[in-house]
C-alpha cells in the first residue's frame, strides 16, 4: 500500500505526529480517516504492537532502584553514561515499534521541554524513573499535572540542586528555571525567583541511606511569597500545598500559554509560525485548563497547520528512527552491544543530535534550521543508503522486510514506475523528473527500463533505488 493512498492532509498530519509513516500508520489512517486516527492516537485506543510492549526486555537494568544505580556507579560497574545510553536506546526502540505514535511524539516534546540530560552526574540514579513516572504518565494529560509531577521528582531536585535549597540557604536554580524554561519565560524579576525558591524548600535527598528522597518541613522557608501576581501567606511548615498552588497558577498563566503554544507551533508547524495560530492554540490551552489533547486538536484543526506542509525537516534523531520505520526494519529483543539500536544511537550522534544528550536545561532546539549543516546532510545520505540495504553487519538484532513486500504487487514495471512507487511510499509524494533521472543515473539504466518481477530487481539496485529516493531534497522534509 504506497503512500499515495493517503490524502495530502492525512499524510501531512502523519509526517508531523509520527516518527515515520510505515504500513501500520497508512492502514490505520486509511481505515479511520484523518480526524478518527488522530483522536484514536490521543486516546491511545489502538492495540499496542507486541514489539513495543516488549521494548523494556532489551534494557532490563533500567528498572534498577536508584540506590542500586548509585551503588553500581560508585563501584565503577555501571555508571551514569551507560544508564543514559540504555534510556535513549529504549526510547528509540519505542519510537520505532509503537503504534501509539502521537503519544511517543509528545513524550519526546515534553521531555525536551522539561528537560533533564540522560546522564547528568547528580540526577542519573532517578533519570529512568523520571521518564516512566513523569513524562510518560502525563504526556497526554494536562500540563498542570505534568508540571506538578516534574517539579516534585527527585531527578529534577538533584539536577537543579533543589535538594540543597533550605530556609537558611536558598538555592534559586530550580526556582529560576521553573519560571524561565518551564512556564512564563523571561517576564519575571529577582523577587519572583526568590519567592519561587522559598516555596521549593523542604525537598531532601539522603545519599548516605539508600538514596532516600523526602520532604523535611524544618527546611521549608515560611512567610509570604509573591510571584507574578500570585500571593500566598505560606504559613504552614509543609509548603507543598502552597507550591502546588503556585505551579497551578503558573501552568495557567497567559505567558505560559503563549510559550507552550509557540513551542508546539515551532515543533509541529514551522520555525516561524503564524501569530494567529499561536494565539489560537494558546486560547485552547487556557480554556481547556491546560489539557494537552484539547490543545493539540486546536493546533491540527487550524488552517495554518495544513498550509505548513513540508516546512519542517527531520532532526537527526528523528531521521534515524524514521528511516528504520519506512524501510520496514523491526528490531528484535537483544542485549548485544553491537545491536541495531546501538547503531542508530551512534549514527544520530555522528549527525550531531542525539535525543536526551543536550547538555543544558533548555533542551534541544525545536527549529529545523539548526539541523541543516552540510556534515549532517552528508551523514544522513550515507545512513539512508545503509538502511536501504538487505543485509550487512549493522542488521544484527533486526528483522529486515523482504524486498517483495516493499515493491509493487503487479508487474512488469518500468524504472520510472518503481521510482514513483518508492517516492510515494517513502516520501508521500509523486516522483518528479529530477528524482527519476537521479535514480536512473545511480543505477546506470534508462528510465524506461522494464523489470519483469520483483526478483529481477537486484539487491544493489534495490538499495540504490530506495536510498536515492530518501536522499532527495524531499527526503529531509516533513
Protein backbone atom coordinates (compact mmCIF):
# COMPACT_ATOMS: atom_id res chain seq x y z
CA UNK A 1 0.00 0.00 0.00
CA UNK A 2 2.04 3.02 -1.18
CA UNK A 3 1.83 6.45 0.39
CA UNK A 4 -0.39 7.69 -2.44
CA UNK A 5 -3.34 6.01 -0.67
CA UNK A 6 -3.34 8.90 1.81
CA UNK A 7 -4.64 12.39 1.11
CA UNK A 8 -2.14 15.23 1.39
CA UNK A 9 -3.67 16.50 4.68
CA UNK A 10 -3.60 13.00 6.18
CA UNK A 11 -0.02 12.43 5.11
CA UNK A 12 0.96 15.84 6.49
CA UNK A 13 -0.62 15.04 9.86
CA UNK A 14 1.22 11.72 9.99
CA UNK A 15 4.54 13.25 8.95
CA UNK A 16 4.36 15.73 11.82
CA UNK A 17 2.96 13.47 14.54
CA UNK A 18 4.76 10.19 13.90
CA UNK A 19 8.36 9.06 13.68
CA UNK A 20 7.76 7.83 10.13
CA UNK A 21 4.77 6.74 8.06
CA UNK A 22 5.01 2.96 7.91
CA UNK A 23 2.46 0.43 6.65
CA UNK A 24 0.65 0.32 10.01
CA UNK A 25 0.14 4.09 10.06
CA UNK A 26 -1.11 4.01 6.46
CA UNK A 27 -3.58 1.26 7.24
CA UNK A 28 -4.86 2.99 10.36
CA UNK A 29 -5.25 6.33 8.59
CA UNK A 30 -6.99 4.76 5.60
CA UNK A 31 -9.44 2.94 7.90
CA UNK A 32 -10.11 5.68 10.46
CA UNK A 33 -9.62 8.84 8.44
CA UNK A 34 -7.55 11.81 9.47
CA UNK A 35 -9.72 13.00 12.37
CA UNK A 36 -10.52 9.50 13.60
CA UNK A 37 -6.88 8.44 13.55
CA UNK A 38 -5.75 11.49 15.50
CA UNK A 39 -8.47 11.01 18.10
CA UNK A 40 -7.56 7.33 18.49
CA UNK A 41 -3.94 8.36 18.91
CA UNK A 42 -4.80 10.94 21.57
CA UNK A 43 -6.81 8.32 23.46
CA UNK A 44 -4.24 5.55 22.81
CA UNK A 45 -7.19 3.32 21.97
CA UNK A 46 -5.49 1.30 19.23
CA UNK A 47 -3.97 -2.01 20.41
CA UNK A 48 -0.27 -1.60 21.03
CA UNK A 49 2.22 -3.64 18.98
CA UNK A 50 3.87 -6.60 20.70
CA UNK A 51 7.31 -5.27 19.80
CA UNK A 52 6.63 -2.01 21.64
CA UNK A 53 5.29 -3.80 24.71
CA UNK A 54 8.45 -5.91 24.76
CA UNK A 55 10.80 -2.93 24.45
CA UNK A 56 11.76 -2.99 28.16
CA UNK A 57 13.11 -6.54 27.66
CA UNK A 58 16.01 -5.03 25.74
CA UNK A 59 17.06 -2.91 28.73
CA UNK A 60 16.16 -4.74 31.96
CA UNK A 61 18.62 -2.77 34.13
CA UNK A 62 16.62 0.43 33.64
CA UNK A 63 14.22 -0.75 36.36
CA UNK A 64 17.00 -0.84 38.96
CA UNK A 65 16.11 1.19 42.07
CA UNK A 66 18.00 4.49 42.36
CA UNK A 67 20.09 3.13 45.24
CA UNK A 68 21.27 0.25 43.06
CA UNK A 69 22.14 2.64 40.22
CA UNK A 70 24.13 4.75 42.66
CA UNK A 71 25.94 1.75 44.16
CA UNK A 72 26.86 0.29 40.76
CA UNK A 73 28.18 3.65 39.61
CA UNK A 74 30.18 4.11 42.80
CA UNK A 75 31.72 0.68 42.27
CA UNK A 76 32.65 1.50 38.68
CA UNK A 77 30.38 -1.24 37.32
CA UNK A 78 27.63 0.70 35.56
CA UNK A 79 27.77 4.47 35.50
CA UNK A 80 25.69 7.45 34.53
CA UNK A 81 26.63 7.29 30.84
CA UNK A 82 25.51 3.68 30.42
CA UNK A 83 22.22 4.32 32.24
CA UNK A 84 21.59 7.25 29.94
CA UNK A 85 22.58 5.28 26.86
CA UNK A 86 20.17 2.49 27.77
CA UNK A 87 17.38 5.00 28.37
CA UNK A 88 17.94 6.59 24.96
CA UNK A 89 18.10 3.17 23.35
CA UNK A 90 14.79 2.13 24.88
CA UNK A 91 13.29 5.46 23.80
CA UNK A 92 14.41 4.91 20.20
CA UNK A 93 13.08 1.36 20.25
CA UNK A 94 9.67 2.56 21.38
CA UNK A 95 9.62 5.25 18.70
CA UNK A 96 10.35 2.63 16.02
CA UNK A 97 7.90 -0.03 17.16
CA UNK A 98 4.98 1.71 18.88
CA UNK A 99 1.58 2.04 17.26
CA UNK A 100 0.92 5.00 19.59
CA UNK A 101 2.96 7.43 17.56
CA UNK A 102 1.33 10.66 18.75
CA UNK A 103 1.98 9.58 22.33
CA UNK A 104 5.65 8.86 21.61
CA UNK A 105 5.92 12.20 19.81
CA UNK A 106 4.53 14.04 22.81
CA UNK A 107 6.77 12.12 25.19
CA UNK A 108 9.64 13.49 23.14
CA UNK A 109 8.20 17.01 23.07
CA UNK A 110 7.57 17.31 26.82
CA UNK A 111 10.79 15.52 27.72
CA UNK A 112 12.64 18.12 25.67
CA UNK A 113 10.76 21.00 27.33
CA UNK A 114 11.00 19.93 30.98
CA UNK A 115 14.41 18.56 30.27
CA UNK A 116 16.96 16.56 32.26
CA UNK A 117 20.03 15.20 30.40
CA UNK A 118 20.10 11.41 30.37
CA UNK A 119 23.46 11.01 32.12
CA UNK A 120 23.75 14.08 34.35
CA UNK A 121 26.07 13.42 37.30
CA UNK A 122 23.66 14.11 40.18
CA UNK A 123 20.29 13.01 38.78
CA UNK A 124 21.26 9.82 36.94
CA UNK A 125 20.05 7.33 39.62
CA UNK A 126 16.49 8.65 39.19
CA UNK A 127 16.62 9.58 35.50
CA UNK A 128 14.91 6.43 34.10
CA UNK A 129 12.13 6.82 36.69
CA UNK A 130 11.61 10.45 35.65
CA UNK A 131 10.80 9.19 32.16
CA UNK A 132 8.38 6.48 33.31
CA UNK A 133 6.78 8.24 36.29
CA UNK A 134 6.54 11.78 34.96
CA UNK A 135 6.86 12.28 31.20
CA UNK A 136 5.19 9.07 30.04
CA UNK A 137 2.40 9.25 32.60
CA UNK A 138 1.41 12.86 31.83
CA UNK A 139 2.35 13.29 28.13
CA UNK A 140 -1.31 13.28 27.03
CA UNK A 141 -2.96 14.54 30.21
CA UNK A 142 -2.55 18.19 31.26
CA UNK A 143 0.42 20.48 31.52
CA UNK A 144 -0.68 21.29 35.06
CA UNK A 145 -0.31 17.64 36.13
CA UNK A 146 2.95 17.27 34.21
CA UNK A 147 4.47 20.34 35.84
CA UNK A 148 3.47 19.23 39.35
CA UNK A 149 4.95 15.76 38.85
CA UNK A 150 8.17 17.05 37.29
CA UNK A 151 8.98 19.71 39.86
CA UNK A 152 8.46 17.31 42.78
CA UNK A 153 10.56 14.50 41.30
CA UNK A 154 13.99 13.64 42.78
CA UNK A 155 15.61 13.68 39.33
CA UNK A 156 14.59 17.32 38.96
CA UNK A 157 15.61 18.22 42.51
CA UNK A 158 19.07 16.73 42.12
CA UNK A 159 19.64 18.02 38.57
CA UNK A 160 18.88 21.63 39.52
CA UNK A 161 20.24 21.27 43.09
CA UNK A 162 16.91 21.91 44.78
CA UNK A 163 17.87 19.29 47.37
CA UNK A 164 20.37 21.92 48.61
CA UNK A 165 17.64 24.56 48.88
CA UNK A 166 16.77 25.31 52.52
CA UNK A 167 15.24 28.06 54.62
CA UNK A 168 18.62 29.41 55.75
CA UNK A 169 20.43 28.79 52.46
CA UNK A 170 18.20 29.48 49.47
CA UNK A 171 19.25 27.88 46.19
CA UNK A 172 17.48 29.58 43.27
CA UNK A 173 18.38 27.18 40.44
CA UNK A 174 15.06 25.35 40.17
CA UNK A 175 13.04 28.46 41.00
CA UNK A 176 14.62 30.33 38.11
CA UNK A 177 14.25 27.52 35.56
CA UNK A 178 10.66 26.92 36.70
CA UNK A 179 9.86 30.45 35.57
CA UNK A 180 12.18 30.89 32.60
CA UNK A 181 12.07 27.47 30.94
CA UNK A 182 9.03 25.57 32.16
CA UNK A 183 6.38 28.30 32.42
CA UNK A 184 6.23 32.07 31.79
CA UNK A 185 9.61 32.82 30.21
CA UNK A 186 11.71 35.90 30.90
CA UNK A 187 9.00 38.11 32.33
CA UNK A 188 9.99 37.67 35.98
CA UNK A 189 12.20 39.66 38.33
CA UNK A 190 14.58 38.55 41.08
CA UNK A 191 11.86 38.87 43.70
CA UNK A 192 9.75 36.34 41.77
CA UNK A 193 12.67 33.91 41.61
CA UNK A 194 13.35 34.28 45.32
CA UNK A 195 9.70 33.66 46.23
CA UNK A 196 9.57 30.58 43.98
CA UNK A 197 12.75 29.29 45.58
CA UNK A 198 11.24 29.74 49.05
CA UNK A 199 8.24 27.60 48.13
CA UNK A 200 10.59 24.95 46.74
CA UNK A 201 12.44 24.49 50.03
CA UNK A 202 11.99 21.30 52.04
CA UNK A 203 12.75 18.59 49.47
CA UNK A 204 15.64 16.38 50.54
CA UNK A 205 17.89 13.61 49.24
CA UNK A 206 19.87 11.41 51.61
CA UNK A 207 22.79 9.88 49.71
CA UNK A 208 24.03 8.04 52.79
CA UNK A 209 20.93 5.93 53.42
CA UNK A 210 19.65 4.12 50.33
CA UNK A 211 19.31 7.37 48.36
CA UNK A 212 16.02 8.23 50.05
CA UNK A 213 14.07 11.20 48.73
CA UNK A 214 11.74 13.03 51.03
CA UNK A 215 10.45 16.27 52.48
CA UNK A 216 11.61 17.95 55.68
CA UNK A 217 9.23 20.66 56.98
CA UNK A 218 12.05 22.03 59.15
CA UNK A 219 13.90 23.07 55.96
CA UNK A 220 10.93 24.88 54.46
CA UNK A 221 11.10 28.69 54.36
CA UNK A 222 7.76 30.01 55.60
CA UNK A 223 6.46 33.54 55.16
CA UNK A 224 4.54 35.49 52.48
CA UNK A 225 5.51 34.97 48.84
CA UNK A 226 4.61 36.81 45.64
CA UNK A 227 5.27 35.55 42.11
CA UNK A 228 3.90 37.43 39.08
CA UNK A 229 0.60 38.26 40.76
CA UNK A 230 0.38 35.04 42.77
CA UNK A 231 0.34 35.63 46.52
CA UNK A 232 0.30 33.15 49.36
CA UNK A 233 0.81 33.52 53.13
CA UNK A 234 2.90 30.33 53.17
CA UNK A 235 2.43 29.84 56.92
CA UNK A 236 2.41 26.02 57.07
CA UNK A 237 5.60 24.08 57.82
CA UNK A 238 4.72 21.77 54.95
CA UNK A 239 4.97 24.07 51.95
CA UNK A 240 3.90 21.57 49.32
CA UNK A 241 0.24 22.70 49.11
CA UNK A 242 1.42 26.29 48.61
CA UNK A 243 3.92 25.12 45.99
CA UNK A 244 1.21 23.23 44.12
CA UNK A 245 -0.96 26.34 44.15
CA UNK A 246 1.92 28.30 42.58
CA UNK A 247 2.52 25.58 39.96
CA UNK A 248 -1.17 25.54 39.02
CA UNK A 249 -1.13 29.33 38.72
CA UNK A 250 1.98 29.31 36.55
CA UNK A 251 0.70 26.49 34.33
CA UNK A 252 -2.44 28.50 33.54
CA UNK A 253 -0.67 31.87 33.23
CA UNK A 254 -1.21 33.70 29.88
CA UNK A 255 2.56 33.96 29.37
CA UNK A 256 2.91 30.20 29.87
CA UNK A 257 0.10 29.57 27.41
CA UNK A 258 1.88 31.68 24.80
CA UNK A 259 5.22 29.94 25.42
CA UNK A 260 3.72 26.45 25.22
CA UNK A 261 1.69 27.37 22.14
CA UNK A 262 4.71 28.90 20.42
CA UNK A 263 6.88 25.89 21.14
CA UNK A 264 4.18 23.50 19.90
CA UNK A 265 3.77 25.52 16.71
CA UNK A 266 7.52 25.67 16.10
CA UNK A 267 7.75 21.91 16.60
CA UNK A 268 4.74 20.86 14.55
CA UNK A 269 4.10 23.70 12.09
CA UNK A 270 7.09 25.87 11.10
CA UNK A 271 10.10 27.67 12.52
CA UNK A 272 8.21 30.96 12.14
CA UNK A 273 4.56 30.11 12.87
CA UNK A 274 1.65 32.43 12.08
CA UNK A 275 0.96 34.58 15.20
CA UNK A 276 -2.76 33.98 14.70
CA UNK A 277 -2.16 30.24 15.03
CA UNK A 278 -0.12 30.74 18.20
CA UNK A 279 -2.91 32.83 19.72
CA UNK A 280 -5.50 30.22 18.72
CA UNK A 281 -3.53 27.40 20.34
CA UNK A 282 -2.82 29.46 23.46
CA UNK A 283 -6.56 30.17 23.86
CA UNK A 284 -7.38 26.46 23.58
CA UNK A 285 -4.69 25.67 26.15
CA UNK A 286 -6.11 28.12 28.70
CA UNK A 287 -9.80 27.43 28.04
CA UNK A 288 -9.24 23.69 28.48
CA UNK A 289 -7.40 24.10 31.76
CA UNK A 290 -4.01 23.20 30.16
CA UNK A 291 -5.45 19.98 28.69
CA UNK A 292 -2.91 18.61 26.21
CA UNK A 293 -5.27 16.73 23.83
CA UNK A 294 -7.55 19.77 23.56
CA UNK A 295 -4.55 21.96 22.78
CA UNK A 296 -3.33 19.58 20.08
CA UNK A 297 -6.79 19.35 18.50
CA UNK A 298 -6.85 23.13 18.19
CA UNK A 299 -3.45 23.09 16.52
CA UNK A 300 -4.16 20.44 13.87
CA UNK A 301 -7.62 21.80 13.01
CA UNK A 302 -6.34 25.28 12.23
CA UNK A 303 -5.83 26.05 8.51
CA UNK A 304 -2.28 27.26 9.19
CA UNK A 305 -1.29 23.72 10.18
CA UNK A 306 -2.38 22.22 6.86
CA UNK A 307 -0.74 25.04 4.90
CA UNK A 308 2.62 24.28 6.50
CA UNK A 309 3.27 21.01 4.67
CA UNK A 310 6.99 20.36 4.06
CA UNK A 311 8.10 23.38 6.12
CA UNK A 312 9.95 21.32 8.71
CA UNK A 313 12.86 18.89 8.42
CA UNK A 314 13.71 15.71 10.28
CA UNK A 315 16.25 16.30 13.02
CA UNK A 316 18.99 13.63 13.22
CA UNK A 317 17.42 11.51 15.97
CA UNK A 318 14.05 11.52 14.23
CA UNK A 319 15.73 10.83 10.89
CA UNK A 320 17.40 7.60 12.02
CA UNK A 321 14.16 6.37 13.58
CA UNK A 322 12.05 7.42 10.57
CA UNK A 323 14.42 5.63 8.19
CA UNK A 324 14.12 2.38 10.15
CA UNK A 325 10.33 2.63 10.17
CA UNK A 326 9.81 3.41 6.49
CA UNK A 327 12.39 0.80 5.44
CA UNK A 328 10.37 -1.89 7.24
CA UNK A 329 13.02 -2.72 9.84
CA UNK A 330 11.83 -4.28 13.10
CA UNK A 331 14.36 -4.53 15.97
CA UNK A 332 14.32 -7.78 17.94
CA UNK A 333 14.97 -8.25 21.69
CA UNK A 334 18.73 -8.37 22.26
CA UNK A 335 21.30 -7.13 24.77
CA UNK A 336 24.20 -7.32 22.32
CA UNK A 337 26.48 -4.25 22.44
CA UNK A 338 26.56 -4.14 18.62
CA UNK A 339 22.77 -4.26 18.21
CA UNK A 340 20.83 -2.33 15.61
CA UNK A 341 19.52 0.19 18.15
CA UNK A 342 23.10 0.86 19.30
CA UNK A 343 23.98 1.59 15.68
CA UNK A 344 21.11 4.09 15.44
CA UNK A 345 22.31 5.93 18.55
CA UNK A 346 25.84 6.14 17.18
CA UNK A 347 24.56 7.40 13.83
CA UNK A 348 22.42 10.13 15.41
CA UNK A 349 25.45 11.16 17.47
CA UNK A 350 27.57 11.40 14.32
CA UNK A 351 24.88 13.56 12.74
CA UNK A 352 25.12 15.95 15.70
CA UNK A 353 21.87 15.43 17.62
CA UNK A 354 21.08 12.54 19.94
CA UNK A 355 17.88 12.79 21.99
CA UNK A 356 18.44 13.41 25.73
CA UNK A 357 22.13 14.28 25.23
CA UNK A 358 21.78 18.08 25.10
CA UNK A 359 23.97 19.32 27.99
CA UNK A 360 21.89 22.32 29.18
CA UNK A 361 18.43 22.50 30.84
CA UNK A 362 16.76 24.20 27.86
CA UNK A 363 16.65 21.02 25.70
CA UNK A 364 17.47 20.58 22.02
CA UNK A 365 16.34 23.39 19.66
CA UNK A 366 12.97 22.74 18.01
CA UNK A 367 13.84 24.87 14.96
CA UNK A 368 14.65 22.97 11.77
CA UNK A 369 17.34 25.44 10.73
CA UNK A 370 19.61 24.14 13.49
CA UNK A 371 19.92 20.73 11.79
CA UNK A 372 20.87 21.52 8.20
CA UNK A 373 24.65 21.65 8.20
CA UNK A 374 26.48 20.12 5.25
CA UNK A 375 28.07 17.48 7.51
CA UNK A 376 24.70 16.42 8.88
CA UNK A 377 23.17 16.11 5.40
CA UNK A 378 26.07 14.03 4.10
CA UNK A 379 25.87 11.67 7.07
CA UNK A 380 22.11 11.35 6.58
CA UNK A 381 22.65 10.36 2.96
CA UNK A 382 25.06 7.60 3.97
CA UNK A 383 22.68 6.40 6.68
CA UNK A 384 19.79 6.18 4.20
CA UNK A 385 21.86 4.04 1.85
CA UNK A 386 23.00 1.84 4.75
CA UNK A 387 19.43 1.10 5.85
CA UNK A 388 18.16 0.66 2.30
CA UNK A 389 20.27 -2.49 2.02
CA UNK A 390 19.01 -6.01 2.68
CA UNK A 391 21.96 -7.43 4.64
CA UNK A 392 25.11 -6.45 6.49
CA UNK A 393 26.67 -6.32 9.95
CA UNK A 394 24.54 -3.41 11.12
CA UNK A 395 21.38 -5.53 10.82
CA UNK A 396 22.18 -7.66 13.89
CA UNK A 397 19.09 -7.94 16.03
CA UNK A 398 16.66 -6.59 13.44
CA UNK A 399 14.13 -8.20 11.10
CA UNK A 400 14.53 -6.86 7.54
CA UNK A 401 11.41 -6.64 5.39
CA UNK A 402 11.54 -8.75 2.25
CA UNK A 403 12.06 -6.57 -0.85
CA UNK A 404 8.95 -8.04 -2.49
CA UNK A 405 6.84 -6.63 0.37
CA UNK A 406 8.21 -3.14 -0.27
CA UNK A 407 7.86 -3.16 -4.07
CA UNK A 408 4.74 -3.06 -6.30
CA UNK A 409 2.45 -6.08 -6.31
CA UNK A 410 1.86 -6.02 -10.07
CA UNK A 411 4.49 -6.44 -12.80
CA UNK A 412 6.15 -5.57 -15.16
CA UNK A 413 7.23 -2.08 -14.01
CA UNK A 414 9.50 0.47 -15.63
CA UNK A 415 12.27 2.04 -13.59
CA UNK A 416 10.33 5.33 -13.64
CA UNK A 417 7.32 3.45 -12.23
CA UNK A 418 9.45 1.98 -9.43
CA UNK A 419 10.87 5.40 -8.55
CA UNK A 420 7.38 6.85 -8.37
CA UNK A 421 6.17 3.92 -6.24
CA UNK A 422 9.04 4.34 -3.78
CA UNK A 423 8.68 8.11 -3.71
CA UNK A 424 5.01 7.79 -2.80
CA UNK A 425 5.78 5.11 -0.25
CA UNK A 426 8.78 6.71 1.45
CA UNK A 427 8.06 10.41 0.92
CA UNK A 428 4.31 10.62 0.39
CA UNK A 429 4.58 12.40 -2.95
CA UNK A 430 4.91 11.58 -6.65
CA UNK A 431 8.37 11.42 -8.17
CA UNK A 432 9.37 14.31 -10.42
CA UNK A 433 11.66 14.11 -13.45
CA UNK A 434 14.70 15.15 -11.43
CA UNK A 435 14.28 12.29 -8.99
CA UNK A 436 13.65 9.76 -11.77
CA UNK A 437 16.79 10.99 -13.54
CA UNK A 438 18.85 10.77 -10.32
CA UNK A 439 17.84 7.16 -9.71
CA UNK A 440 18.36 6.24 -13.35
CA UNK A 441 21.85 7.73 -13.19
CA UNK A 442 22.65 5.89 -9.95
CA UNK A 443 21.54 2.56 -11.46
CA UNK A 444 23.02 3.22 -14.89
CA UNK A 445 19.72 2.35 -16.53
CA UNK A 446 17.26 4.33 -18.67
CA UNK A 447 14.05 5.45 -17.02
CA UNK A 448 12.10 3.20 -19.41
CA UNK A 449 13.97 0.02 -18.43
CA UNK A 450 11.42 -2.70 -17.68
CA UNK A 451 11.60 -5.08 -14.73
CA UNK A 452 9.55 -8.22 -15.23
CA UNK A 453 9.20 -9.06 -11.48
CA UNK A 454 10.40 -8.13 -8.02
CA UNK A 455 13.04 -10.84 -8.32
CA UNK A 456 14.50 -9.01 -11.34
CA UNK A 457 15.48 -6.09 -9.05
CA UNK A 458 18.92 -6.96 -7.70
CA UNK A 459 19.94 -6.22 -4.12
CA UNK A 460 22.24 -3.41 -5.23
CA UNK A 461 19.52 -1.88 -7.44
CA UNK A 462 17.05 -2.11 -4.57
CA UNK A 463 19.48 -0.35 -2.23
CA UNK A 464 20.32 2.41 -4.70
CA UNK A 465 16.67 2.90 -5.65
CA UNK A 466 15.41 3.38 -2.08
CA UNK A 467 18.46 5.20 -0.80
CA UNK A 468 18.45 7.71 -3.64
CA UNK A 469 14.74 8.39 -3.20
CA UNK A 470 15.21 9.08 0.50
CA UNK A 471 18.25 11.24 -0.28
CA UNK A 472 16.26 13.60 -2.49
CA UNK A 473 15.62 17.09 -1.06
CA UNK A 474 12.12 15.92 -0.15
CA UNK A 475 13.67 13.18 1.98
CA UNK A 476 14.61 15.67 4.69
CA UNK A 477 11.26 17.47 4.69
CA UNK A 478 8.37 16.57 6.92
